[in-house]
Amino acid sequence: MIDHSARHYAARTHEKMREVLMDPAAPGPAVHYHMTRGGSAQRNVTCWEPGTVGGEYIKTYGHYHVGDLDETYWILLGEGVAIIQKRAEGPDGPIDDEIDGIYAVHVKAGDAIYMPCGWGHLVVNTSATYLVTADDSPVDFGEKDAVSLPGHADYEPVRKMGGFAYFVAERDGRPALVRNPRYRKVPEIGIIEARDYPLKRPG
């Protein structure tokens, strides 16, 4: 039997994450989170390290969905905050520094959260433990670096803006939203519970 495990695992390093941190110069762990990719059939599993980097909780890099694709995340262990945002549409396509819709959703073990077509998302670990999720995103293992950067995901607008519209930082031992100043237009929001999140899978 051929061992394909190397194709399924990827780690997101601190050096890569510097591009989207609230404080890119802050020290952090060598690896922020670990990904094991199985695709829609086997599911994908992500495990976040606990802790903060420059006061910001450890998070995923974040990406926008490309094409007609949505996904669901199931929270298996720990708790965190999911940021889901949608760019404004201009005559030439999405406007990277203008956000039309955005939610910050507190999630915990047992919750499921839907990520719609056309929206971007990232997830932050606010627990003292690992945060572990499963999701049903497809993965094309024929692509170069398919595990880390699947073809359904666009990371470039997030890199360009230095992260999402809000960072999730620790303030007095609790998560708080900190506006990313690179964005020109962003709605004011607070952190809501998963039961109050209005975006649901159709049907």
N, C-alpha and C. Protein backbone atom coordinates (compact mmCIF):
# COMPACT_ATOMS: atom_id res chain seq x y z
N MET A 1 0.84 -1.19 0.00
CA MET A 1 0.00 0.00 0.00
C MET A 1 0.89 1.26 0.00
N ILE A 2 0.53 2.21 -0.83
CA ILE A 2 1.29 3.46 -0.92
C ILE A 2 0.81 4.42 0.15
N ASP A 3 1.74 5.03 0.86
CA ASP A 3 1.38 5.99 1.91
C ASP A 3 1.23 7.38 1.31
N HIS A 4 0.02 7.91 1.30
CA HIS A 4 -0.25 9.24 0.75
C HIS A 4 -0.40 10.29 1.85
N SER A 5 -0.01 9.96 3.07
CA SER A 5 -0.29 10.85 4.21
C SER A 5 0.35 12.22 4.05
N ALA A 6 1.52 12.28 3.40
CA ALA A 6 2.20 13.58 3.23
C ALA A 6 1.35 14.54 2.41
N ARG A 7 0.54 14.01 1.51
CA ARG A 7 -0.32 14.87 0.71
C ARG A 7 -1.48 15.43 1.52
N HIS A 8 -1.81 14.77 2.62
CA HIS A 8 -2.99 15.15 3.39
C HIS A 8 -2.69 16.15 4.50
N TYR A 9 -1.44 16.29 4.89
CA TYR A 9 -1.09 17.14 6.03
C TYR A 9 -0.40 18.42 5.58
N ALA A 10 -0.76 19.51 6.22
CA ALA A 10 -0.04 20.77 6.02
C ALA A 10 -0.07 21.56 7.32
N ALA A 11 0.97 22.33 7.56
CA ALA A 11 1.06 23.18 8.74
C ALA A 11 1.13 24.63 8.29
N ARG A 12 0.43 25.50 9.00
CA ARG A 12 0.51 26.94 8.69
C ARG A 12 1.49 27.55 9.68
N THR A 13 2.63 28.00 9.16
CA THR A 13 3.73 28.46 10.00
C THR A 13 3.57 29.91 10.42
N HIS A 14 4.32 30.27 11.45
CA HIS A 14 4.31 31.66 11.92
C HIS A 14 4.79 32.60 10.84
N GLU A 15 5.80 32.20 10.09
CA GLU A 15 6.33 33.09 9.04
C GLU A 15 5.26 33.41 8.01
N LYS A 16 4.46 32.43 7.63
CA LYS A 16 3.37 32.68 6.68
C LYS A 16 2.28 33.53 7.31
N MET A 17 1.98 33.29 8.58
CA MET A 17 0.90 34.01 9.25
C MET A 17 1.23 35.47 9.50
N ARG A 18 2.50 35.85 9.50
CA ARG A 18 2.87 37.25 9.71
C ARG A 18 2.14 38.19 8.75
N GLU A 19 1.82 37.71 7.56
CA GLU A 19 1.16 38.54 6.55
C GLU A 19 -0.20 39.05 6.99
N VAL A 20 -0.84 38.35 7.93
CA VAL A 20 -2.22 38.69 8.28
C VAL A 20 -2.41 38.94 9.78
N LEU A 21 -1.31 39.15 10.51
CA LEU A 21 -1.41 39.37 11.95
C LEU A 21 -1.66 40.83 12.28
N MET A 22 -2.31 41.07 13.41
CA MET A 22 -2.50 42.42 13.93
C MET A 22 -1.15 43.08 14.20
N ASP A 23 -0.19 42.28 14.71
CA ASP A 23 1.17 42.75 14.95
C ASP A 23 2.14 41.79 14.27
N PRO A 24 2.49 42.05 13.00
CA PRO A 24 3.35 41.12 12.26
C PRO A 24 4.72 40.90 12.88
N ALA A 25 5.18 41.83 13.71
CA ALA A 25 6.52 41.69 14.32
C ALA A 25 6.50 40.86 15.60
N ALA A 26 5.32 40.52 16.10
CA ALA A 26 5.23 39.80 17.38
C ALA A 26 5.74 38.37 17.24
N PRO A 27 6.41 37.84 18.27
CA PRO A 27 6.83 36.44 18.22
C PRO A 27 5.62 35.52 18.39
N GLY A 28 5.76 34.31 17.87
CA GLY A 28 4.67 33.35 17.98
C GLY A 28 5.18 31.93 17.85
N PRO A 29 4.29 30.94 17.97
CA PRO A 29 4.71 29.55 17.84
C PRO A 29 5.16 29.25 16.41
N ALA A 30 6.00 28.25 16.25
CA ALA A 30 6.50 27.89 14.92
C ALA A 30 5.35 27.54 13.98
N VAL A 31 4.34 26.85 14.51
CA VAL A 31 3.15 26.49 13.73
C VAL A 31 1.92 26.99 14.46
N HIS A 32 1.05 27.70 13.75
CA HIS A 32 -0.18 28.22 14.35
C HIS A 32 -1.30 27.19 14.31
N TYR A 33 -1.41 26.46 13.18
CA TYR A 33 -2.45 25.43 13.09
C TYR A 33 -2.05 24.35 12.11
N HIS A 34 -2.69 23.19 12.28
CA HIS A 34 -2.37 21.99 11.52
C HIS A 34 -3.61 21.57 10.74
N MET A 35 -3.41 21.13 9.50
CA MET A 35 -4.51 20.72 8.64
C MET A 35 -4.28 19.31 8.13
N THR A 36 -5.30 18.48 8.24
CA THR A 36 -5.30 17.16 7.62
C THR A 36 -6.49 17.12 6.67
N ARG A 37 -6.21 16.98 5.38
CA ARG A 37 -7.24 17.14 4.36
C ARG A 37 -7.69 15.79 3.80
N GLY A 38 -9.00 15.56 3.84
CA GLY A 38 -9.58 14.37 3.26
C GLY A 38 -10.60 14.68 2.19
N GLY A 39 -10.98 15.98 2.08
CA GLY A 39 -11.98 16.38 1.09
C GLY A 39 -13.40 16.16 1.58
N SER A 40 -14.36 16.32 0.67
CA SER A 40 -15.77 16.25 1.04
C SER A 40 -16.16 14.89 1.59
N ALA A 41 -15.55 13.82 1.08
CA ALA A 41 -15.94 12.47 1.48
C ALA A 41 -15.39 12.12 2.86
N GLN A 42 -14.09 12.35 3.08
CA GLN A 42 -13.47 11.97 4.35
C GLN A 42 -13.52 13.07 5.40
N ARG A 43 -13.78 14.29 4.97
CA ARG A 43 -13.74 15.49 5.81
C ARG A 43 -12.29 15.97 5.99
N ASN A 44 -12.20 17.24 6.32
CA ASN A 44 -10.92 17.88 6.62
C ASN A 44 -10.92 18.22 8.11
N VAL A 45 -9.79 18.04 8.76
CA VAL A 45 -9.68 18.33 10.19
C VAL A 45 -8.59 19.38 10.40
N THR A 46 -8.93 20.41 11.17
CA THR A 46 -7.99 21.48 11.48
C THR A 46 -7.83 21.58 12.99
N CYS A 47 -6.59 21.75 13.45
CA CYS A 47 -6.28 21.86 14.87
C CYS A 47 -5.45 23.11 15.12
N TRP A 48 -5.99 24.04 15.91
CA TRP A 48 -5.33 25.29 16.24
C TRP A 48 -4.53 25.14 17.53
N GLU A 49 -3.37 25.74 17.58
CA GLU A 49 -2.64 25.88 18.85
C GLU A 49 -3.39 26.90 19.72
N PRO A 50 -3.33 26.75 21.05
CA PRO A 50 -3.89 27.78 21.92
C PRO A 50 -2.89 28.94 22.09
N GLY A 51 -3.40 30.07 22.56
CA GLY A 51 -2.50 31.18 22.87
C GLY A 51 -2.76 32.41 22.02
N THR A 52 -1.91 33.41 22.21
CA THR A 52 -2.02 34.67 21.48
C THR A 52 -0.68 35.04 20.87
N VAL A 53 -0.75 35.90 19.87
CA VAL A 53 0.44 36.45 19.20
C VAL A 53 0.27 37.97 19.19
N GLY A 54 1.06 38.66 19.98
CA GLY A 54 0.91 40.11 20.06
C GLY A 54 -0.45 40.52 20.57
N GLY A 55 -1.05 39.70 21.45
CA GLY A 55 -2.37 40.00 21.99
C GLY A 55 -3.52 39.48 21.16
N GLU A 56 -3.24 38.97 19.95
CA GLU A 56 -4.28 38.44 19.06
C GLU A 56 -4.35 36.92 19.20
N TYR A 57 -5.55 36.41 19.35
CA TYR A 57 -5.72 34.96 19.43
C TYR A 57 -5.27 34.28 18.14
N ILE A 58 -4.75 33.07 18.26
CA ILE A 58 -4.31 32.31 17.10
C ILE A 58 -5.51 31.97 16.21
N LYS A 59 -5.31 32.13 14.91
CA LYS A 59 -6.41 32.02 13.94
C LYS A 59 -5.92 31.31 12.68
N THR A 60 -6.87 30.99 11.80
CA THR A 60 -6.51 30.56 10.46
C THR A 60 -6.20 31.79 9.61
N TYR A 61 -5.57 31.56 8.48
CA TYR A 61 -5.16 32.66 7.59
C TYR A 61 -6.38 33.41 7.06
N GLY A 62 -7.41 32.66 6.69
CA GLY A 62 -8.62 33.26 6.12
C GLY A 62 -8.59 33.25 4.61
N HIS A 63 -9.76 33.02 4.00
CA HIS A 63 -9.86 33.05 2.54
C HIS A 63 -11.29 33.32 2.13
N TYR A 64 -11.45 33.67 0.86
CA TYR A 64 -12.76 33.83 0.25
C TYR A 64 -13.07 32.60 -0.60
N HIS A 65 -14.34 32.23 -0.64
CA HIS A 65 -14.74 31.13 -1.50
C HIS A 65 -14.75 31.57 -2.96
N VAL A 66 -14.28 30.68 -3.82
CA VAL A 66 -14.24 30.93 -5.25
C VAL A 66 -15.30 30.08 -5.93
N GLY A 67 -16.14 30.70 -6.75
CA GLY A 67 -17.14 29.95 -7.49
C GLY A 67 -18.31 29.54 -6.62
N ASP A 68 -19.06 28.56 -7.11
CA ASP A 68 -20.28 28.11 -6.47
C ASP A 68 -19.94 27.06 -5.43
N LEU A 69 -19.43 27.50 -4.29
CA LEU A 69 -19.00 26.57 -3.27
C LEU A 69 -19.31 27.10 -1.88
N ASP A 70 -19.88 26.23 -1.07
CA ASP A 70 -20.10 26.56 0.34
C ASP A 70 -19.57 25.41 1.17
N GLU A 71 -19.55 25.59 2.49
CA GLU A 71 -19.05 24.53 3.37
C GLU A 71 -19.60 24.71 4.77
N THR A 72 -19.51 23.65 5.54
CA THR A 72 -19.92 23.66 6.94
C THR A 72 -18.74 23.25 7.81
N TYR A 73 -18.56 23.95 8.92
CA TYR A 73 -17.56 23.60 9.92
C TYR A 73 -18.26 23.05 11.15
N TRP A 74 -17.79 21.90 11.64
CA TRP A 74 -18.29 21.32 12.87
C TRP A 74 -17.21 21.49 13.95
N ILE A 75 -17.58 22.06 15.09
CA ILE A 75 -16.63 22.29 16.17
C ILE A 75 -16.57 21.03 17.03
N LEU A 76 -15.39 20.41 17.11
CA LEU A 76 -15.22 19.14 17.81
C LEU A 76 -14.66 19.32 19.21
N LEU A 77 -13.81 20.31 19.40
CA LEU A 77 -13.16 20.54 20.70
C LEU A 77 -12.83 22.01 20.84
N GLY A 78 -13.02 22.54 22.05
CA GLY A 78 -12.63 23.92 22.32
C GLY A 78 -13.71 24.91 21.94
N GLU A 79 -13.30 26.17 21.90
CA GLU A 79 -14.22 27.23 21.48
C GLU A 79 -13.43 28.33 20.79
N GLY A 80 -14.16 29.15 20.06
CA GLY A 80 -13.48 30.21 19.31
C GLY A 80 -14.47 31.20 18.75
N VAL A 81 -13.99 32.00 17.82
CA VAL A 81 -14.80 32.98 17.12
C VAL A 81 -14.57 32.81 15.62
N ALA A 82 -15.65 32.65 14.88
CA ALA A 82 -15.57 32.61 13.42
C ALA A 82 -15.90 33.99 12.87
N ILE A 83 -15.06 34.49 11.98
CA ILE A 83 -15.34 35.74 11.29
C ILE A 83 -15.74 35.39 9.86
N ILE A 84 -16.93 35.83 9.47
CA ILE A 84 -17.44 35.57 8.12
C ILE A 84 -17.76 36.92 7.49
N GLN A 85 -17.15 37.24 6.35
CA GLN A 85 -17.33 38.57 5.78
C GLN A 85 -17.54 38.50 4.27
N LYS A 86 -18.26 39.50 3.74
CA LYS A 86 -18.54 39.59 2.30
C LYS A 86 -18.13 40.96 1.80
N ARG A 87 -17.36 40.97 0.72
CA ARG A 87 -16.91 42.23 0.13
C ARG A 87 -18.03 42.91 -0.66
N ALA A 88 -17.97 44.22 -0.74
CA ALA A 88 -18.88 44.97 -1.60
C ALA A 88 -18.55 44.66 -3.06
N GLU A 89 -19.56 44.72 -3.90
CA GLU A 89 -19.38 44.48 -5.33
C GLU A 89 -19.26 45.80 -6.07
N GLY A 90 -18.23 45.92 -6.91
CA GLY A 90 -18.06 47.07 -7.77
C GLY A 90 -18.25 46.69 -9.23
N PRO A 91 -18.12 47.64 -10.14
CA PRO A 91 -18.32 47.33 -11.57
C PRO A 91 -17.31 46.32 -12.11
N ASP A 92 -16.15 46.22 -11.45
CA ASP A 92 -15.11 45.29 -11.91
C ASP A 92 -14.94 44.09 -10.99
N GLY A 93 -15.92 43.87 -10.10
CA GLY A 93 -15.84 42.73 -9.19
C GLY A 93 -15.76 43.17 -7.74
N PRO A 94 -15.40 42.26 -6.84
CA PRO A 94 -15.36 42.58 -5.41
C PRO A 94 -14.36 43.69 -5.08
N ILE A 95 -14.72 44.53 -4.10
CA ILE A 95 -13.86 45.61 -3.63
C ILE A 95 -13.22 45.15 -2.32
N ASP A 96 -11.91 44.95 -2.34
CA ASP A 96 -11.24 44.28 -1.22
C ASP A 96 -11.31 45.05 0.09
N ASP A 97 -11.34 46.39 0.03
CA ASP A 97 -11.31 47.15 1.28
C ASP A 97 -12.69 47.66 1.72
N GLU A 98 -13.76 47.16 1.09
CA GLU A 98 -15.12 47.51 1.49
C GLU A 98 -15.89 46.24 1.82
N ILE A 99 -16.40 46.16 3.04
CA ILE A 99 -17.12 44.98 3.50
C ILE A 99 -18.60 45.33 3.64
N ASP A 100 -19.45 44.57 2.94
CA ASP A 100 -20.90 44.80 2.99
C ASP A 100 -21.58 44.06 4.12
N GLY A 101 -21.09 42.85 4.41
CA GLY A 101 -21.69 42.04 5.47
C GLY A 101 -20.61 41.35 6.26
N ILE A 102 -20.77 41.28 7.57
CA ILE A 102 -19.75 40.62 8.40
C ILE A 102 -20.39 40.14 9.70
N TYR A 103 -19.96 38.96 10.15
CA TYR A 103 -20.42 38.39 11.41
C TYR A 103 -19.21 37.88 12.19
N ALA A 104 -19.26 38.05 13.50
CA ALA A 104 -18.29 37.44 14.41
C ALA A 104 -19.11 36.51 15.31
N VAL A 105 -18.87 35.21 15.21
CA VAL A 105 -19.75 34.22 15.83
C VAL A 105 -18.97 33.39 16.84
N HIS A 106 -19.42 33.40 18.10
CA HIS A 106 -18.83 32.55 19.12
C HIS A 106 -19.26 31.11 18.87
N VAL A 107 -18.28 30.21 18.74
CA VAL A 107 -18.57 28.80 18.50
C VAL A 107 -17.90 27.95 19.57
N LYS A 108 -18.51 26.81 19.86
CA LYS A 108 -17.98 25.89 20.87
C LYS A 108 -18.27 24.46 20.43
N ALA A 109 -17.66 23.51 21.12
CA ALA A 109 -17.85 22.10 20.78
C ALA A 109 -19.34 21.76 20.70
N GLY A 110 -19.71 21.10 19.61
CA GLY A 110 -21.11 20.76 19.37
C GLY A 110 -21.80 21.67 18.38
N ASP A 111 -21.23 22.87 18.12
CA ASP A 111 -21.82 23.80 17.16
C ASP A 111 -21.41 23.43 15.73
N ALA A 112 -22.23 23.84 14.78
CA ALA A 112 -21.89 23.78 13.36
C ALA A 112 -22.13 25.17 12.78
N ILE A 113 -21.27 25.59 11.88
CA ILE A 113 -21.43 26.92 11.29
C ILE A 113 -21.24 26.84 9.78
N TYR A 114 -22.14 27.50 9.08
CA TYR A 114 -22.21 27.44 7.62
C TYR A 114 -21.45 28.62 7.01
N MET A 115 -20.62 28.33 6.01
CA MET A 115 -19.87 29.35 5.29
C MET A 115 -20.41 29.42 3.86
N PRO A 116 -21.13 30.50 3.51
CA PRO A 116 -21.83 30.55 2.22
C PRO A 116 -20.90 30.84 1.03
N CYS A 117 -21.44 30.58 -0.16
CA CYS A 117 -20.77 30.96 -1.40
C CYS A 117 -20.51 32.47 -1.40
N GLY A 118 -19.36 32.87 -1.91
CA GLY A 118 -19.06 34.29 -2.09
C GLY A 118 -18.57 35.00 -0.85
N TRP A 119 -18.58 34.33 0.30
CA TRP A 119 -18.14 34.94 1.54
C TRP A 119 -16.74 34.45 1.90
N GLY A 120 -16.04 35.22 2.72
CA GLY A 120 -14.76 34.81 3.26
C GLY A 120 -14.92 34.39 4.71
N HIS A 121 -13.99 33.59 5.20
CA HIS A 121 -14.09 33.20 6.60
C HIS A 121 -12.72 32.83 7.17
N LEU A 122 -12.62 33.00 8.47
CA LEU A 122 -11.51 32.47 9.26
C LEU A 122 -12.07 32.09 10.62
N VAL A 123 -11.31 31.28 11.35
CA VAL A 123 -11.72 30.86 12.69
C VAL A 123 -10.57 31.08 13.65
N VAL A 124 -10.91 31.58 14.84
CA VAL A 124 -9.95 31.97 15.87
C VAL A 124 -10.11 31.05 17.08
N ASN A 125 -9.00 30.62 17.67
CA ASN A 125 -9.06 29.80 18.88
C ASN A 125 -8.97 30.69 20.11
N THR A 126 -10.07 30.78 20.85
CA THR A 126 -10.07 31.59 22.08
C THR A 126 -10.00 30.72 23.33
N SER A 127 -9.81 29.39 23.16
CA SER A 127 -9.76 28.48 24.31
C SER A 127 -8.36 28.39 24.89
N ALA A 128 -8.29 27.78 26.07
CA ALA A 128 -7.00 27.44 26.67
C ALA A 128 -6.50 26.09 26.15
N THR A 129 -7.34 25.39 25.38
CA THR A 129 -6.99 24.10 24.80
C THR A 129 -6.83 24.24 23.29
N TYR A 130 -6.50 23.15 22.63
CA TYR A 130 -6.60 23.13 21.18
C TYR A 130 -8.04 23.41 20.77
N LEU A 131 -8.21 24.02 19.60
CA LEU A 131 -9.50 24.09 18.92
C LEU A 131 -9.43 23.12 17.75
N VAL A 132 -10.42 22.24 17.63
CA VAL A 132 -10.43 21.24 16.56
C VAL A 132 -11.76 21.30 15.83
N THR A 133 -11.69 21.36 14.49
CA THR A 133 -12.90 21.37 13.67
C THR A 133 -12.79 20.33 12.57
N ALA A 134 -13.94 19.95 12.03
CA ALA A 134 -14.02 19.18 10.79
C ALA A 134 -14.83 20.01 9.81
N ASP A 135 -14.51 19.90 8.51
CA ASP A 135 -15.29 20.61 7.50
C ASP A 135 -15.40 19.76 6.24
N ASP A 136 -16.30 20.18 5.35
CA ASP A 136 -16.59 19.38 4.16
C ASP A 136 -16.12 20.04 2.87
N SER A 137 -15.06 20.86 2.94
CA SER A 137 -14.52 21.48 1.72
C SER A 137 -13.90 20.43 0.82
N PRO A 138 -14.05 20.59 -0.50
CA PRO A 138 -13.37 19.68 -1.42
C PRO A 138 -11.89 19.99 -1.48
N VAL A 139 -11.08 19.01 -1.80
CA VAL A 139 -9.65 19.20 -1.98
C VAL A 139 -9.25 18.48 -3.26
N ASP A 140 -8.53 19.17 -4.13
CA ASP A 140 -8.01 18.56 -5.36
C ASP A 140 -6.55 18.23 -5.14
N PHE A 141 -6.27 16.95 -4.89
CA PHE A 141 -4.90 16.56 -4.60
C PHE A 141 -4.02 16.55 -5.85
N GLY A 142 -4.60 16.85 -7.01
CA GLY A 142 -3.80 16.99 -8.22
C GLY A 142 -3.13 18.34 -8.33
N GLU A 143 -3.57 19.29 -7.51
CA GLU A 143 -2.98 20.62 -7.56
C GLU A 143 -1.66 20.68 -6.81
N LYS A 144 -0.82 21.60 -7.22
CA LYS A 144 0.39 21.88 -6.44
C LYS A 144 -0.04 22.52 -5.13
N ASP A 145 0.48 21.99 -4.01
CA ASP A 145 0.14 22.52 -2.68
C ASP A 145 -1.37 22.50 -2.43
N ALA A 146 -2.00 21.43 -2.91
CA ALA A 146 -3.47 21.36 -2.81
C ALA A 146 -3.96 21.32 -1.37
N VAL A 147 -3.17 20.75 -0.47
CA VAL A 147 -3.61 20.63 0.91
C VAL A 147 -3.69 22.00 1.58
N SER A 148 -2.66 22.79 1.38
CA SER A 148 -2.56 24.07 2.06
C SER A 148 -3.39 25.16 1.39
N LEU A 149 -3.43 25.16 0.08
CA LEU A 149 -4.12 26.21 -0.66
C LEU A 149 -5.04 25.59 -1.70
N PRO A 150 -6.17 25.02 -1.28
CA PRO A 150 -7.07 24.38 -2.24
C PRO A 150 -7.63 25.37 -3.25
N GLY A 151 -7.96 24.86 -4.44
CA GLY A 151 -8.37 25.73 -5.55
C GLY A 151 -9.65 26.49 -5.32
N HIS A 152 -10.45 26.08 -4.35
CA HIS A 152 -11.71 26.78 -4.10
C HIS A 152 -11.50 28.02 -3.25
N ALA A 153 -10.28 28.29 -2.81
CA ALA A 153 -10.03 29.36 -1.85
C ALA A 153 -9.13 30.44 -2.43
N ASP A 154 -9.50 31.70 -2.22
CA ASP A 154 -8.69 32.84 -2.67
C ASP A 154 -8.11 33.54 -1.44
N TYR A 155 -6.81 33.39 -1.26
CA TYR A 155 -6.11 33.97 -0.11
C TYR A 155 -5.54 35.35 -0.40
N GLU A 156 -5.38 35.69 -1.67
CA GLU A 156 -4.66 36.91 -2.04
C GLU A 156 -5.32 38.18 -1.50
N PRO A 157 -6.65 38.36 -1.58
CA PRO A 157 -7.25 39.59 -1.01
C PRO A 157 -6.99 39.72 0.49
N VAL A 158 -6.91 38.60 1.20
CA VAL A 158 -6.66 38.63 2.64
C VAL A 158 -5.22 39.07 2.90
N ARG A 159 -4.30 38.54 2.12
CA ARG A 159 -2.89 38.96 2.25
C ARG A 159 -2.75 40.46 1.96
N LYS A 160 -3.39 40.90 0.90
CA LYS A 160 -3.33 42.31 0.48
C LYS A 160 -3.82 43.25 1.59
N MET A 161 -4.87 42.84 2.31
CA MET A 161 -5.47 43.68 3.35
C MET A 161 -4.87 43.41 4.73
N GLY A 162 -3.89 42.52 4.81
CA GLY A 162 -3.26 42.24 6.11
C GLY A 162 -4.20 41.59 7.09
N GLY A 163 -5.09 40.74 6.59
CA GLY A 163 -6.05 40.06 7.46
C GLY A 163 -7.48 40.42 7.13
N PHE A 164 -8.40 39.97 7.96
CA PHE A 164 -9.81 40.28 7.79
C PHE A 164 -10.12 41.66 8.38
N ALA A 165 -11.37 42.06 8.27
CA ALA A 165 -11.77 43.41 8.69
C ALA A 165 -11.66 43.63 10.19
N TYR A 166 -11.74 42.54 10.96
CA TYR A 166 -11.55 42.62 12.41
C TYR A 166 -10.54 41.56 12.84
N PHE A 167 -9.68 41.94 13.78
CA PHE A 167 -8.85 40.99 14.51
C PHE A 167 -9.59 40.62 15.80
N VAL A 168 -9.34 39.42 16.30
CA VAL A 168 -9.91 39.01 17.59
C VAL A 168 -8.78 38.98 18.59
N ALA A 169 -8.80 39.92 19.52
CA ALA A 169 -7.71 40.10 20.48
C ALA A 169 -8.19 39.82 21.90
N GLU A 170 -7.24 39.50 22.76
CA GLU A 170 -7.56 39.26 24.17
C GLU A 170 -7.58 40.59 24.91
N ARG A 171 -8.69 40.88 25.56
CA ARG A 171 -8.83 42.09 26.37
C ARG A 171 -9.42 41.68 27.72
N ASP A 172 -8.64 41.82 28.79
CA ASP A 172 -9.08 41.43 30.13
C ASP A 172 -9.54 39.97 30.17
N GLY A 173 -8.81 39.12 29.47
CA GLY A 173 -9.09 37.70 29.49
C GLY A 173 -10.25 37.25 28.62
N ARG A 174 -10.78 38.17 27.81
CA ARG A 174 -11.93 37.84 26.96
C ARG A 174 -11.66 38.29 25.53
N PRO A 175 -12.31 37.65 24.54
CA PRO A 175 -12.12 38.08 23.16
C PRO A 175 -12.82 39.40 22.87
N ALA A 176 -12.14 40.25 22.12
CA ALA A 176 -12.69 41.54 21.70
C ALA A 176 -12.33 41.77 20.24
N LEU A 177 -13.18 42.49 19.53
CA LEU A 177 -12.95 42.79 18.11
C LEU A 177 -12.16 44.08 17.98
N VAL A 178 -11.11 44.03 17.15
CA VAL A 178 -10.26 45.19 16.89
C VAL A 178 -10.30 45.45 15.39
N ARG A 179 -10.70 46.63 15.01
CA ARG A 179 -10.85 46.98 13.60
C ARG A 179 -9.49 46.97 12.89
N ASN A 180 -9.45 46.39 11.70
CA ASN A 180 -8.27 46.43 10.84
C ASN A 180 -8.29 47.75 10.07
N PRO A 181 -7.32 48.65 10.31
CA PRO A 181 -7.39 49.99 9.71
C PRO A 181 -7.19 50.02 8.20
N ARG A 182 -6.79 48.91 7.60
CA ARG A 182 -6.59 48.91 6.15
C ARG A 182 -7.92 48.91 5.39
N TYR A 183 -8.99 48.53 6.06
CA TYR A 183 -10.30 48.51 5.40
C TYR A 183 -10.94 49.89 5.45
N ARG A 184 -11.50 50.33 4.33
CA ARG A 184 -12.08 51.66 4.23
C ARG A 184 -13.52 51.70 4.73
N LYS A 185 -14.25 50.59 4.53
CA LYS A 185 -15.67 50.56 4.91
C LYS A 185 -15.97 49.21 5.55
N VAL A 186 -16.39 49.24 6.82
CA VAL A 186 -16.70 48.01 7.56
C VAL A 186 -17.88 48.28 8.50
N PRO A 187 -18.92 47.45 8.50
CA PRO A 187 -20.01 47.63 9.47
C PRO A 187 -19.51 47.43 10.91
N GLU A 188 -20.12 48.13 11.84
CA GLU A 188 -19.84 47.93 13.26
C GLU A 188 -20.58 46.69 13.74
N ILE A 189 -19.89 45.79 14.41
CA ILE A 189 -20.52 44.55 14.86
C ILE A 189 -20.05 44.18 16.26
N GLY A 190 -20.69 43.21 16.85
CA GLY A 190 -20.25 42.59 18.09
C GLY A 190 -20.21 41.08 17.89
N ILE A 191 -19.75 40.37 18.89
CA ILE A 191 -19.69 38.91 18.82
C ILE A 191 -21.05 38.34 19.21
N ILE A 192 -21.60 37.48 18.34
CA ILE A 192 -22.91 36.87 18.58
C ILE A 192 -22.75 35.37 18.84
N GLU A 193 -23.78 34.75 19.34
CA GLU A 193 -23.77 33.30 19.56
C GLU A 193 -24.16 32.57 18.27
N ALA A 194 -23.73 31.31 18.18
CA ALA A 194 -24.01 30.52 16.97
C ALA A 194 -25.51 30.43 16.69
N ARG A 195 -26.33 30.36 17.75
CA ARG A 195 -27.78 30.24 17.54
C ARG A 195 -28.37 31.48 16.88
N ASP A 196 -27.67 32.63 16.99
CA ASP A 196 -28.17 33.88 16.44
C ASP A 196 -27.58 34.21 15.07
N TYR A 197 -26.72 33.35 14.56
CA TYR A 197 -26.08 33.57 13.26
C TYR A 197 -27.12 33.32 12.17
N PRO A 198 -27.39 34.31 11.30
CA PRO A 198 -28.52 34.19 10.38
C PRO A 198 -28.26 33.42 9.09
N LEU A 199 -26.97 33.18 8.74
CA LEU A 199 -26.69 32.52 7.48
C LEU A 199 -26.77 31.01 7.66
N LYS A 200 -27.75 30.39 7.04
CA LYS A 200 -28.00 28.96 7.19
C LYS A 200 -27.89 28.26 5.84
N ARG A 201 -27.55 26.98 5.88
CA ARG A 201 -27.50 26.20 4.64
C ARG A 201 -28.88 26.13 4.03
N PRO A 202 -29.01 26.42 2.71
CA PRO A 202 -30.32 26.37 2.06
C PRO A 202 -30.96 24.99 2.20
N GLY A 203 -32.26 24.97 2.40
CA GLY A 203 -32.99 23.72 2.50
C GLY A 203 -32.97 23.13 3.87
